[in-house]
Amino acid sequence: MTAPVRVAIVEPQSLYKASITFVLQRSLAVELKDDVRDASVNVALVGTSVLDLRAADALVRLRAVSPLLKVCALVVPGVDRSVEVARMLCAEGVASVHASSEEVISMIVSVARGERAVIAAFTRSSSSRQPVAAQGDCADLSKREAEVIRLLVDGMSNKEISSALVLSEKTVKNHVSRIFSKLNVNARTQAAVLALRQGMVD
């Protein structure tokens, strides 16, 4: 028998978290953990109330030190901010809050296997925006871009990177822009998480 996927729910509203907990506890495919910081957790299931970008940023930082952690996000169709949080988290799995319990569990299991899963009945406006686009491959970066992203992971600013690599700030800015384009991200934290997950940095 396949071992259950260890899941931690990230959801500040106790009533909503309780309903998600009830659904997951009925499945033999998952095992609930209390704390997303538990090193044994395979997947973080992020609820729709995590719309505060500060909370999302905290989870991004957690992924930076736990690059094997996968993220599944529940989003509200038509609510751009929840979709933006899912993007910021580089979520491997996304589901609408209208998805069935079976669909949510299937998403979690698929993501734990290393697959991407988008299970969502998005509205016309949100579906046209491609809620969570596929991330790029760090192997496509040039040698110089790889040097830049490694320093970016260390938290260096463009000015600090320019000094370290003896480049102008404008050149560094251009490299960062190309990195974002190749990796299909729009924030430094997203690029850093992706680099860590793909083994660009030890």
N, C-alpha and C. Protein backbone atom coordinates (compact mmCIF):
# COMPACT_ATOMS: atom_id res chain seq x y z
N MET A 1 0.84 -1.20 0.00
CA MET A 1 0.00 0.00 0.00
C MET A 1 0.88 1.25 0.00
N THR A 2 0.55 2.22 -0.82
CA THR A 2 1.31 3.47 -0.90
C THR A 2 1.14 4.27 0.38
N ALA A 3 2.24 4.83 0.88
CA ALA A 3 2.18 5.63 2.10
C ALA A 3 1.35 6.88 1.86
N PRO A 4 0.57 7.30 2.84
CA PRO A 4 -0.25 8.51 2.67
C PRO A 4 0.62 9.75 2.54
N VAL A 5 0.08 10.75 1.84
CA VAL A 5 0.77 12.03 1.67
C VAL A 5 0.59 12.83 2.95
N ARG A 6 1.69 13.33 3.49
CA ARG A 6 1.63 14.12 4.73
C ARG A 6 1.31 15.57 4.38
N VAL A 7 0.17 16.05 4.87
CA VAL A 7 -0.36 17.36 4.49
C VAL A 7 -0.54 18.26 5.71
N ALA A 8 -0.16 19.53 5.56
CA ALA A 8 -0.44 20.54 6.58
C ALA A 8 -1.36 21.59 5.96
N ILE A 9 -2.40 21.97 6.66
CA ILE A 9 -3.35 22.98 6.17
C ILE A 9 -2.90 24.36 6.65
N VAL A 10 -2.79 25.29 5.71
CA VAL A 10 -2.43 26.67 6.05
C VAL A 10 -3.67 27.52 5.83
N GLU A 11 -4.38 27.79 6.90
CA GLU A 11 -5.66 28.50 6.82
C GLU A 11 -5.97 29.12 8.18
N PRO A 12 -5.99 30.46 8.27
CA PRO A 12 -6.18 31.12 9.56
C PRO A 12 -7.60 31.08 10.12
N GLN A 13 -8.61 30.92 9.27
CA GLN A 13 -9.99 30.92 9.76
C GLN A 13 -10.34 29.52 10.28
N SER A 14 -10.57 29.43 11.58
CA SER A 14 -10.73 28.13 12.24
C SER A 14 -11.90 27.31 11.69
N LEU A 15 -13.02 27.97 11.40
CA LEU A 15 -14.18 27.23 10.90
C LEU A 15 -13.91 26.64 9.53
N TYR A 16 -13.31 27.44 8.65
CA TYR A 16 -12.99 26.96 7.31
C TYR A 16 -11.93 25.86 7.38
N LYS A 17 -10.94 26.03 8.25
CA LYS A 17 -9.90 25.02 8.41
C LYS A 17 -10.50 23.71 8.91
N ALA A 18 -11.48 23.83 9.81
CA ALA A 18 -12.13 22.63 10.35
C ALA A 18 -12.85 21.86 9.25
N SER A 19 -13.47 22.58 8.32
CA SER A 19 -14.18 21.90 7.23
C SER A 19 -13.21 21.19 6.29
N ILE A 20 -12.06 21.83 6.03
CA ILE A 20 -11.04 21.18 5.19
C ILE A 20 -10.49 19.96 5.91
N THR A 21 -10.25 20.11 7.21
CA THR A 21 -9.73 19.01 8.01
C THR A 21 -10.68 17.82 7.98
N PHE A 22 -11.97 18.09 8.12
CA PHE A 22 -12.98 17.03 8.10
C PHE A 22 -12.93 16.25 6.80
N VAL A 23 -12.79 16.96 5.68
CA VAL A 23 -12.72 16.31 4.37
C VAL A 23 -11.48 15.44 4.25
N LEU A 24 -10.34 15.97 4.65
CA LEU A 24 -9.09 15.22 4.48
C LEU A 24 -8.98 14.04 5.42
N GLN A 25 -9.55 14.16 6.62
CA GLN A 25 -9.47 13.07 7.59
C GLN A 25 -10.21 11.83 7.13
N ARG A 26 -11.13 12.00 6.21
CA ARG A 26 -11.91 10.86 5.71
C ARG A 26 -11.16 10.08 4.64
N SER A 27 -10.02 10.59 4.22
CA SER A 27 -9.27 9.94 3.14
C SER A 27 -8.06 9.19 3.69
N LEU A 28 -7.86 7.98 3.19
CA LEU A 28 -6.69 7.19 3.57
C LEU A 28 -5.46 7.61 2.77
N ALA A 29 -5.67 8.48 1.77
CA ALA A 29 -4.56 8.88 0.90
C ALA A 29 -3.70 9.96 1.53
N VAL A 30 -4.22 10.61 2.58
CA VAL A 30 -3.47 11.70 3.20
C VAL A 30 -3.37 11.49 4.71
N GLU A 31 -2.33 12.08 5.27
CA GLU A 31 -2.13 12.08 6.73
C GLU A 31 -1.92 13.53 7.15
N LEU A 32 -2.76 14.03 8.03
CA LEU A 32 -2.70 15.43 8.43
C LEU A 32 -1.61 15.68 9.46
N LYS A 33 -0.89 16.78 9.27
CA LYS A 33 0.12 17.25 10.22
C LYS A 33 -0.31 18.63 10.72
N ASP A 34 0.04 18.94 11.96
CA ASP A 34 -0.42 20.19 12.56
C ASP A 34 0.36 21.42 12.11
N ASP A 35 1.64 21.24 11.79
CA ASP A 35 2.50 22.39 11.54
C ASP A 35 3.19 22.26 10.19
N VAL A 36 3.02 23.26 9.33
CA VAL A 36 3.63 23.23 8.00
C VAL A 36 5.16 23.25 8.10
N ARG A 37 5.69 23.66 9.25
CA ARG A 37 7.14 23.69 9.43
C ARG A 37 7.71 22.32 9.78
N ASP A 38 6.83 21.34 10.01
CA ASP A 38 7.25 19.96 10.27
C ASP A 38 8.00 19.44 9.04
N ALA A 39 9.23 18.98 9.25
CA ALA A 39 10.07 18.55 8.13
C ALA A 39 9.50 17.36 7.37
N SER A 40 8.56 16.63 7.98
CA SER A 40 7.98 15.46 7.32
C SER A 40 6.85 15.80 6.36
N VAL A 41 6.39 17.07 6.38
CA VAL A 41 5.25 17.47 5.54
C VAL A 41 5.64 17.45 4.07
N ASN A 42 4.81 16.79 3.26
CA ASN A 42 5.02 16.73 1.81
C ASN A 42 4.35 17.88 1.07
N VAL A 43 3.14 18.21 1.52
CA VAL A 43 2.32 19.19 0.80
C VAL A 43 1.67 20.17 1.79
N ALA A 44 1.74 21.45 1.46
CA ALA A 44 1.00 22.47 2.21
C ALA A 44 -0.25 22.80 1.40
N LEU A 45 -1.42 22.66 2.02
CA LEU A 45 -2.68 23.01 1.37
C LEU A 45 -3.09 24.38 1.88
N VAL A 46 -3.03 25.38 0.99
CA VAL A 46 -3.27 26.76 1.37
C VAL A 46 -4.71 27.14 1.11
N GLY A 47 -5.42 27.56 2.15
CA GLY A 47 -6.82 27.92 2.03
C GLY A 47 -7.03 29.30 1.43
N THR A 48 -8.25 29.58 1.08
CA THR A 48 -8.56 30.84 0.40
C THR A 48 -8.42 32.07 1.29
N SER A 49 -8.37 31.89 2.60
CA SER A 49 -8.24 33.05 3.48
C SER A 49 -6.82 33.58 3.55
N VAL A 50 -5.87 32.83 3.01
CA VAL A 50 -4.49 33.30 3.01
C VAL A 50 -4.33 34.26 1.83
N LEU A 51 -5.01 35.39 1.94
CA LEU A 51 -4.95 36.40 0.89
C LEU A 51 -4.03 37.55 1.27
N ASP A 52 -3.55 37.53 2.51
CA ASP A 52 -2.60 38.54 2.96
C ASP A 52 -1.25 38.19 2.36
N LEU A 53 -0.71 39.08 1.53
CA LEU A 53 0.55 38.78 0.86
C LEU A 53 1.71 38.60 1.84
N ARG A 54 1.58 39.14 3.05
CA ARG A 54 2.62 38.91 4.05
C ARG A 54 2.63 37.45 4.47
N ALA A 55 1.45 36.85 4.61
CA ALA A 55 1.37 35.44 4.96
C ALA A 55 1.92 34.58 3.83
N ALA A 56 1.60 34.97 2.60
CA ALA A 56 2.12 34.24 1.45
C ALA A 56 3.64 34.33 1.40
N ASP A 57 4.16 35.52 1.68
CA ASP A 57 5.61 35.70 1.65
C ASP A 57 6.29 34.82 2.69
N ALA A 58 5.65 34.64 3.86
CA ALA A 58 6.22 33.78 4.89
C ALA A 58 6.32 32.34 4.40
N LEU A 59 5.30 31.90 3.64
CA LEU A 59 5.32 30.55 3.11
C LEU A 59 6.36 30.41 2.00
N VAL A 60 6.53 31.46 1.20
CA VAL A 60 7.58 31.45 0.17
C VAL A 60 8.94 31.29 0.83
N ARG A 61 9.15 32.00 1.94
CA ARG A 61 10.43 31.91 2.64
C ARG A 61 10.63 30.52 3.23
N LEU A 62 9.54 29.89 3.69
CA LEU A 62 9.62 28.53 4.19
C LEU A 62 10.05 27.59 3.08
N ARG A 63 9.51 27.79 1.88
CA ARG A 63 9.88 26.95 0.75
C ARG A 63 11.35 27.13 0.39
N ALA A 64 11.87 28.33 0.65
CA ALA A 64 13.27 28.59 0.34
C ALA A 64 14.20 27.72 1.18
N VAL A 65 13.78 27.41 2.42
CA VAL A 65 14.61 26.56 3.28
C VAL A 65 14.13 25.10 3.24
N SER A 66 12.96 24.87 2.69
CA SER A 66 12.43 23.51 2.52
C SER A 66 12.00 23.33 1.07
N PRO A 67 12.97 23.28 0.14
CA PRO A 67 12.64 23.28 -1.29
C PRO A 67 11.84 22.07 -1.77
N LEU A 68 11.79 21.00 -0.98
CA LEU A 68 11.02 19.82 -1.38
C LEU A 68 9.54 19.95 -1.04
N LEU A 69 9.19 20.97 -0.26
CA LEU A 69 7.79 21.17 0.10
C LEU A 69 6.99 21.58 -1.13
N LYS A 70 5.86 20.89 -1.36
CA LYS A 70 4.96 21.22 -2.46
C LYS A 70 3.80 22.05 -1.91
N VAL A 71 3.21 22.85 -2.78
CA VAL A 71 2.09 23.70 -2.37
C VAL A 71 0.88 23.50 -3.27
N CYS A 72 -0.27 23.31 -2.63
CA CYS A 72 -1.55 23.29 -3.33
C CYS A 72 -2.36 24.47 -2.80
N ALA A 73 -2.98 25.21 -3.70
CA ALA A 73 -3.73 26.39 -3.30
C ALA A 73 -5.19 26.27 -3.71
N LEU A 74 -6.07 26.69 -2.81
CA LEU A 74 -7.49 26.78 -3.12
C LEU A 74 -7.79 28.24 -3.44
N VAL A 75 -8.34 28.50 -4.61
CA VAL A 75 -8.59 29.88 -5.03
C VAL A 75 -10.07 30.11 -5.32
N VAL A 76 -10.45 31.36 -5.25
CA VAL A 76 -11.84 31.75 -5.53
C VAL A 76 -11.92 32.23 -6.97
N PRO A 77 -12.69 31.55 -7.82
CA PRO A 77 -12.81 31.99 -9.22
C PRO A 77 -13.24 33.45 -9.31
N GLY A 78 -12.53 34.20 -10.13
CA GLY A 78 -12.87 35.59 -10.34
C GLY A 78 -12.23 36.55 -9.36
N VAL A 79 -11.52 36.04 -8.35
CA VAL A 79 -10.85 36.89 -7.37
C VAL A 79 -9.36 36.93 -7.71
N ASP A 80 -8.94 38.01 -8.33
CA ASP A 80 -7.57 38.10 -8.83
C ASP A 80 -6.53 37.97 -7.73
N ARG A 81 -6.85 38.49 -6.54
CA ARG A 81 -5.84 38.48 -5.49
C ARG A 81 -5.50 37.07 -5.04
N SER A 82 -6.49 36.18 -4.96
CA SER A 82 -6.21 34.81 -4.56
C SER A 82 -5.38 34.11 -5.63
N VAL A 83 -5.64 34.44 -6.89
CA VAL A 83 -4.84 33.88 -7.98
C VAL A 83 -3.41 34.39 -7.91
N GLU A 84 -3.24 35.67 -7.57
CA GLU A 84 -1.90 36.25 -7.45
C GLU A 84 -1.12 35.59 -6.33
N VAL A 85 -1.78 35.27 -5.21
CA VAL A 85 -1.11 34.58 -4.12
C VAL A 85 -0.66 33.19 -4.57
N ALA A 86 -1.52 32.50 -5.33
CA ALA A 86 -1.14 31.18 -5.84
C ALA A 86 0.09 31.28 -6.73
N ARG A 87 0.14 32.34 -7.54
CA ARG A 87 1.32 32.55 -8.39
C ARG A 87 2.55 32.82 -7.55
N MET A 88 2.41 33.66 -6.53
CA MET A 88 3.54 34.02 -5.68
C MET A 88 4.11 32.79 -4.99
N LEU A 89 3.24 31.86 -4.63
CA LEU A 89 3.67 30.64 -3.95
C LEU A 89 4.27 29.62 -4.91
N CYS A 90 4.23 29.92 -6.21
CA CYS A 90 4.66 28.94 -7.23
C CYS A 90 3.94 27.61 -7.01
N ALA A 91 2.64 27.69 -6.74
CA ALA A 91 1.87 26.49 -6.40
C ALA A 91 1.90 25.45 -7.51
N GLU A 92 2.20 24.21 -7.12
CA GLU A 92 2.18 23.10 -8.10
C GLU A 92 0.76 22.62 -8.36
N GLY A 93 -0.13 22.87 -7.40
CA GLY A 93 -1.52 22.46 -7.56
C GLY A 93 -2.46 23.59 -7.24
N VAL A 94 -3.52 23.72 -8.04
CA VAL A 94 -4.52 24.76 -7.81
C VAL A 94 -5.91 24.16 -8.02
N ALA A 95 -6.81 24.49 -7.11
CA ALA A 95 -8.19 24.05 -7.26
C ALA A 95 -9.13 25.16 -6.86
N SER A 96 -10.25 25.22 -7.53
CA SER A 96 -11.30 26.15 -7.15
C SER A 96 -11.92 25.68 -5.84
N VAL A 97 -12.45 26.61 -5.07
CA VAL A 97 -13.17 26.24 -3.85
C VAL A 97 -14.42 25.43 -4.18
N HIS A 98 -14.83 25.44 -5.44
CA HIS A 98 -16.00 24.68 -5.86
C HIS A 98 -15.66 23.25 -6.27
N ALA A 99 -14.38 22.90 -6.22
CA ALA A 99 -13.97 21.54 -6.57
C ALA A 99 -14.50 20.56 -5.53
N SER A 100 -14.71 19.32 -5.94
CA SER A 100 -15.19 18.30 -5.00
C SER A 100 -14.05 17.84 -4.09
N SER A 101 -14.40 17.19 -2.99
CA SER A 101 -13.37 16.69 -2.07
C SER A 101 -12.47 15.68 -2.77
N GLU A 102 -13.08 14.86 -3.66
CA GLU A 102 -12.28 13.87 -4.40
C GLU A 102 -11.27 14.56 -5.31
N GLU A 103 -11.67 15.67 -5.92
CA GLU A 103 -10.77 16.40 -6.81
C GLU A 103 -9.62 17.03 -6.03
N VAL A 104 -9.92 17.57 -4.86
CA VAL A 104 -8.87 18.19 -4.04
C VAL A 104 -7.87 17.14 -3.58
N ILE A 105 -8.35 16.00 -3.14
CA ILE A 105 -7.45 14.92 -2.69
C ILE A 105 -6.63 14.40 -3.86
N SER A 106 -7.25 14.25 -5.02
CA SER A 106 -6.53 13.81 -6.22
C SER A 106 -5.42 14.80 -6.56
N MET A 107 -5.71 16.10 -6.43
CA MET A 107 -4.71 17.13 -6.70
C MET A 107 -3.53 16.97 -5.74
N ILE A 108 -3.80 16.80 -4.47
CA ILE A 108 -2.75 16.67 -3.46
C ILE A 108 -1.85 15.48 -3.76
N VAL A 109 -2.46 14.34 -4.07
CA VAL A 109 -1.69 13.12 -4.37
C VAL A 109 -0.84 13.31 -5.62
N SER A 110 -1.42 13.91 -6.66
CA SER A 110 -0.68 14.14 -7.90
C SER A 110 0.52 15.04 -7.67
N VAL A 111 0.32 16.11 -6.91
CA VAL A 111 1.41 17.05 -6.63
C VAL A 111 2.51 16.37 -5.82
N ALA A 112 2.13 15.53 -4.87
CA ALA A 112 3.11 14.81 -4.06
C ALA A 112 3.96 13.88 -4.93
N ARG A 113 3.38 13.41 -6.04
CA ARG A 113 4.13 12.55 -6.97
C ARG A 113 5.04 13.34 -7.89
N GLY A 114 5.03 14.65 -7.77
CA GLY A 114 5.88 15.49 -8.60
C GLY A 114 5.20 16.02 -9.84
N GLU A 115 3.88 15.88 -9.92
CA GLU A 115 3.13 16.37 -11.07
C GLU A 115 2.54 17.74 -10.75
N ARG A 116 2.08 18.44 -11.79
CA ARG A 116 1.33 19.67 -11.60
C ARG A 116 -0.14 19.36 -11.82
N ALA A 117 -0.98 20.01 -11.04
CA ALA A 117 -2.41 19.72 -11.14
C ALA A 117 -3.21 21.01 -11.00
N VAL A 118 -4.01 21.30 -12.00
CA VAL A 118 -4.92 22.46 -11.95
C VAL A 118 -6.33 21.92 -12.10
N ILE A 119 -7.08 21.96 -11.00
CA ILE A 119 -8.45 21.46 -10.99
C ILE A 119 -9.33 22.61 -10.53
N ALA A 120 -9.85 23.35 -11.49
CA ALA A 120 -10.59 24.55 -11.10
C ALA A 120 -11.62 24.93 -12.16
N ALA A 121 -12.82 25.22 -11.70
CA ALA A 121 -13.87 25.72 -12.60
C ALA A 121 -13.80 27.23 -12.58
N PHE A 122 -12.76 27.79 -13.24
CA PHE A 122 -12.57 29.23 -13.21
C PHE A 122 -13.61 29.94 -14.07
N THR A 123 -13.92 31.16 -13.70
CA THR A 123 -14.81 31.97 -14.51
C THR A 123 -14.08 32.38 -15.78
N ARG A 124 -14.80 32.90 -16.73
CA ARG A 124 -14.20 33.29 -18.01
C ARG A 124 -13.07 34.28 -17.81
N SER A 125 -13.27 35.26 -16.92
CA SER A 125 -12.25 36.29 -16.74
C SER A 125 -10.99 35.73 -16.12
N SER A 126 -11.13 34.81 -15.14
CA SER A 126 -9.94 34.30 -14.49
C SER A 126 -9.26 33.23 -15.33
N SER A 127 -10.03 32.43 -16.07
CA SER A 127 -9.41 31.39 -16.88
C SER A 127 -8.57 31.98 -17.99
N SER A 128 -8.99 33.13 -18.50
CA SER A 128 -8.24 33.75 -19.58
C SER A 128 -6.90 34.31 -19.12
N ARG A 129 -6.74 34.43 -17.78
CA ARG A 129 -5.50 34.97 -17.24
C ARG A 129 -4.49 33.87 -16.94
N GLN A 130 -4.84 32.59 -17.17
CA GLN A 130 -3.96 31.48 -16.86
C GLN A 130 -3.49 31.56 -15.40
N PRO A 131 -4.33 31.18 -14.43
CA PRO A 131 -4.07 31.39 -13.02
C PRO A 131 -2.68 30.97 -12.54
N VAL A 132 -2.24 29.79 -12.90
CA VAL A 132 -0.90 29.38 -12.49
C VAL A 132 -0.18 28.83 -13.71
N ALA A 133 0.65 29.64 -14.29
CA ALA A 133 1.36 29.22 -15.49
C ALA A 133 2.49 28.27 -15.12
N ALA A 134 2.84 27.39 -16.05
CA ALA A 134 3.94 26.45 -15.81
C ALA A 134 5.23 27.22 -15.62
N GLN A 135 6.00 26.80 -14.63
CA GLN A 135 7.27 27.46 -14.37
C GLN A 135 8.32 27.00 -15.38
N GLY A 136 9.32 27.85 -15.61
CA GLY A 136 10.37 27.51 -16.56
C GLY A 136 11.44 26.62 -15.95
N ASP A 137 12.46 26.33 -16.74
CA ASP A 137 13.54 25.44 -16.34
C ASP A 137 14.82 26.25 -16.18
N CYS A 138 15.43 26.16 -15.00
CA CYS A 138 16.66 26.91 -14.74
C CYS A 138 17.80 26.47 -15.66
N ALA A 139 17.66 25.29 -16.25
CA ALA A 139 18.69 24.81 -17.18
C ALA A 139 18.75 25.66 -18.43
N ASP A 140 17.69 26.43 -18.69
CA ASP A 140 17.64 27.30 -19.87
C ASP A 140 18.38 28.62 -19.66
N LEU A 141 18.80 28.89 -18.43
CA LEU A 141 19.50 30.13 -18.15
C LEU A 141 20.93 30.09 -18.69
N SER A 142 21.41 31.24 -19.12
CA SER A 142 22.80 31.32 -19.57
C SER A 142 23.73 31.23 -18.36
N LYS A 143 25.01 31.07 -18.61
CA LYS A 143 25.98 30.96 -17.52
C LYS A 143 25.93 32.21 -16.64
N ARG A 144 25.87 33.40 -17.25
CA ARG A 144 25.83 34.63 -16.50
C ARG A 144 24.52 34.76 -15.72
N GLU A 145 23.40 34.37 -16.34
CA GLU A 145 22.11 34.43 -15.66
C GLU A 145 22.09 33.48 -14.46
N ALA A 146 22.77 32.34 -14.61
CA ALA A 146 22.86 31.38 -13.49
C ALA A 146 23.64 31.99 -12.34
N GLU A 147 24.70 32.73 -12.66
CA GLU A 147 25.47 33.41 -11.61
C GLU A 147 24.61 34.45 -10.90
N VAL A 148 23.82 35.18 -11.67
CA VAL A 148 22.95 36.22 -11.10
C VAL A 148 21.91 35.61 -10.18
N ILE A 149 21.26 34.52 -10.61
CA ILE A 149 20.18 33.97 -9.80
C ILE A 149 20.71 33.36 -8.52
N ARG A 150 21.94 32.85 -8.53
CA ARG A 150 22.53 32.31 -7.30
C ARG A 150 22.74 33.43 -6.27
N LEU A 151 23.16 34.59 -6.75
CA LEU A 151 23.33 35.73 -5.85
C LEU A 151 21.98 36.29 -5.42
N LEU A 152 21.01 36.19 -6.32
CA LEU A 152 19.65 36.63 -5.99
C LEU A 152 19.08 35.77 -4.86
N VAL A 153 19.36 34.46 -4.89
CA VAL A 153 18.92 33.56 -3.84
C VAL A 153 19.52 33.96 -2.50
N ASP A 154 20.75 34.48 -2.54
CA ASP A 154 21.41 34.93 -1.31
C ASP A 154 20.83 36.23 -0.77
N GLY A 155 19.86 36.77 -1.50
CA GLY A 155 19.20 37.99 -1.04
C GLY A 155 19.87 39.28 -1.46
N MET A 156 20.80 39.19 -2.40
CA MET A 156 21.51 40.40 -2.84
C MET A 156 20.62 41.29 -3.69
N SER A 157 20.81 42.58 -3.54
CA SER A 157 20.12 43.56 -4.38
C SER A 157 20.84 43.64 -5.72
N ASN A 158 20.23 44.33 -6.70
CA ASN A 158 20.89 44.51 -7.99
C ASN A 158 22.23 45.22 -7.83
N LYS A 159 22.28 46.18 -6.94
CA LYS A 159 23.52 46.92 -6.71
C LYS A 159 24.61 46.01 -6.17
N GLU A 160 24.24 45.14 -5.24
CA GLU A 160 25.22 44.21 -4.65
C GLU A 160 25.68 43.18 -5.69
N ILE A 161 24.74 42.73 -6.52
CA ILE A 161 25.10 41.77 -7.57
C ILE A 161 26.04 42.42 -8.59
N SER A 162 25.76 43.67 -8.93
CA SER A 162 26.62 44.37 -9.90
C SER A 162 28.04 44.49 -9.36
N SER A 163 28.17 44.74 -8.07
CA SER A 163 29.48 44.85 -7.45
C SER A 163 30.19 43.50 -7.43
N ALA A 164 29.46 42.44 -7.09
CA ALA A 164 30.05 41.11 -6.99
C ALA A 164 30.50 40.57 -8.34
N LEU A 165 29.75 40.89 -9.40
CA LEU A 165 30.08 40.36 -10.73
C LEU A 165 30.78 41.39 -11.62
N VAL A 166 31.03 42.56 -11.06
CA VAL A 166 31.68 43.65 -11.80
C VAL A 166 30.89 43.96 -13.08
N LEU A 167 29.62 44.25 -12.88
CA LEU A 167 28.72 44.60 -13.97
C LEU A 167 28.00 45.90 -13.60
N SER A 168 27.47 46.59 -14.59
CA SER A 168 26.67 47.78 -14.29
C SER A 168 25.32 47.33 -13.74
N GLU A 169 24.68 48.21 -12.94
CA GLU A 169 23.36 47.88 -12.41
C GLU A 169 22.34 47.67 -13.53
N LYS A 170 22.49 48.44 -14.62
CA LYS A 170 21.57 48.29 -15.75
C LYS A 170 21.70 46.90 -16.36
N THR A 171 22.94 46.41 -16.47
CA THR A 171 23.16 45.06 -17.03
C THR A 171 22.55 44.01 -16.12
N VAL A 172 22.73 44.18 -14.82
CA VAL A 172 22.15 43.23 -13.86
C VAL A 172 20.62 43.25 -13.97
N LYS A 173 20.05 44.45 -14.06
CA LYS A 173 18.60 44.57 -14.19
C LYS A 173 18.10 43.85 -15.44
N ASN A 174 18.86 43.96 -16.53
CA ASN A 174 18.48 43.26 -17.77
C ASN A 174 18.55 41.74 -17.59
N HIS A 175 19.59 41.28 -16.88
CA HIS A 175 19.71 39.84 -16.61
C HIS A 175 18.53 39.34 -15.77
N VAL A 176 18.18 40.11 -14.74
CA VAL A 176 17.07 39.72 -13.87
C VAL A 176 15.77 39.67 -14.67
N SER A 177 15.58 40.64 -15.56
CA SER A 177 14.38 40.66 -16.39
C SER A 177 14.31 39.42 -17.28
N ARG A 178 15.45 39.04 -17.87
CA ARG A 178 15.46 37.85 -18.74
C ARG A 178 15.24 36.57 -17.92
N ILE A 179 15.77 36.57 -16.70
CA ILE A 179 15.55 35.41 -15.82
C ILE A 179 14.06 35.25 -15.53
N PHE A 180 13.40 36.36 -15.19
CA PHE A 180 11.95 36.32 -14.93
C PHE A 180 11.20 35.78 -16.15
N SER A 181 11.59 36.24 -17.33
CA SER A 181 10.92 35.83 -18.56
C SER A 181 11.11 34.34 -18.82
N LYS A 182 12.35 33.86 -18.67
CA LYS A 182 12.64 32.45 -18.95
C LYS A 182 11.98 31.52 -17.94
N LEU A 183 11.89 31.96 -16.70
CA LEU A 183 11.32 31.11 -15.65
C LEU A 183 9.83 31.32 -15.47
N ASN A 184 9.27 32.30 -16.19
CA ASN A 184 7.84 32.60 -16.13
C ASN A 184 7.42 32.97 -14.69
N VAL A 185 8.19 33.87 -14.09
CA VAL A 185 7.87 34.38 -12.76
C VAL A 185 7.85 35.91 -12.82
N ASN A 186 7.35 36.53 -11.77
CA ASN A 186 7.30 38.00 -11.77
C ASN A 186 7.79 38.60 -10.46
N ALA A 187 8.52 37.81 -9.67
CA ALA A 187 9.05 38.31 -8.41
C ALA A 187 10.36 37.59 -8.07
N ARG A 188 11.22 38.29 -7.36
CA ARG A 188 12.52 37.73 -6.98
C ARG A 188 12.35 36.50 -6.09
N THR A 189 11.35 36.56 -5.17
CA THR A 189 11.14 35.42 -4.29
C THR A 189 10.72 34.18 -5.08
N GLN A 190 9.90 34.37 -6.12
CA GLN A 190 9.50 33.24 -6.96
C GLN A 190 10.70 32.63 -7.66
N ALA A 191 11.55 33.48 -8.22
CA ALA A 191 12.74 33.01 -8.92
C ALA A 191 13.66 32.26 -7.96
N ALA A 192 13.80 32.78 -6.74
CA ALA A 192 14.66 32.15 -5.74
C ALA A 192 14.15 30.78 -5.35
N VAL A 193 12.84 30.68 -5.10
CA VAL A 193 12.25 29.40 -4.73
C VAL A 193 12.44 28.38 -5.84
N LEU A 194 12.21 28.80 -7.08
CA LEU A 194 12.34 27.90 -8.22
C LEU A 194 13.78 27.41 -8.36
N ALA A 195 14.74 28.31 -8.17
CA ALA A 195 16.17 27.95 -8.27
C ALA A 195 16.52 26.92 -7.20
N LEU A 196 16.00 27.10 -5.99
CA LEU A 196 16.26 26.16 -4.92
C LEU A 196 15.63 24.82 -5.21
N ARG A 197 14.38 24.83 -5.68
CA ARG A 197 13.67 23.57 -5.96
C ARG A 197 14.35 22.79 -7.08
N GLN A 198 14.95 23.49 -8.04
CA GLN A 198 15.57 22.80 -9.18
C GLN A 198 17.06 22.55 -8.98
N GLY A 199 17.55 22.75 -7.76
CA GLY A 199 18.93 22.39 -7.44
C GLY A 199 19.98 23.35 -7.94
N MET A 200 19.59 24.59 -8.24
CA MET A 200 20.56 25.57 -8.70
C MET A 200 21.51 25.99 -7.57
N VAL A 201 21.01 25.89 -6.34
CA VAL A 201 21.78 26.31 -5.17
C VAL A 201 21.73 25.20 -4.14
N ASP A 202 22.85 24.92 -3.52
CA ASP A 202 22.90 23.86 -2.50
C ASP A 202 22.24 24.33 -1.21
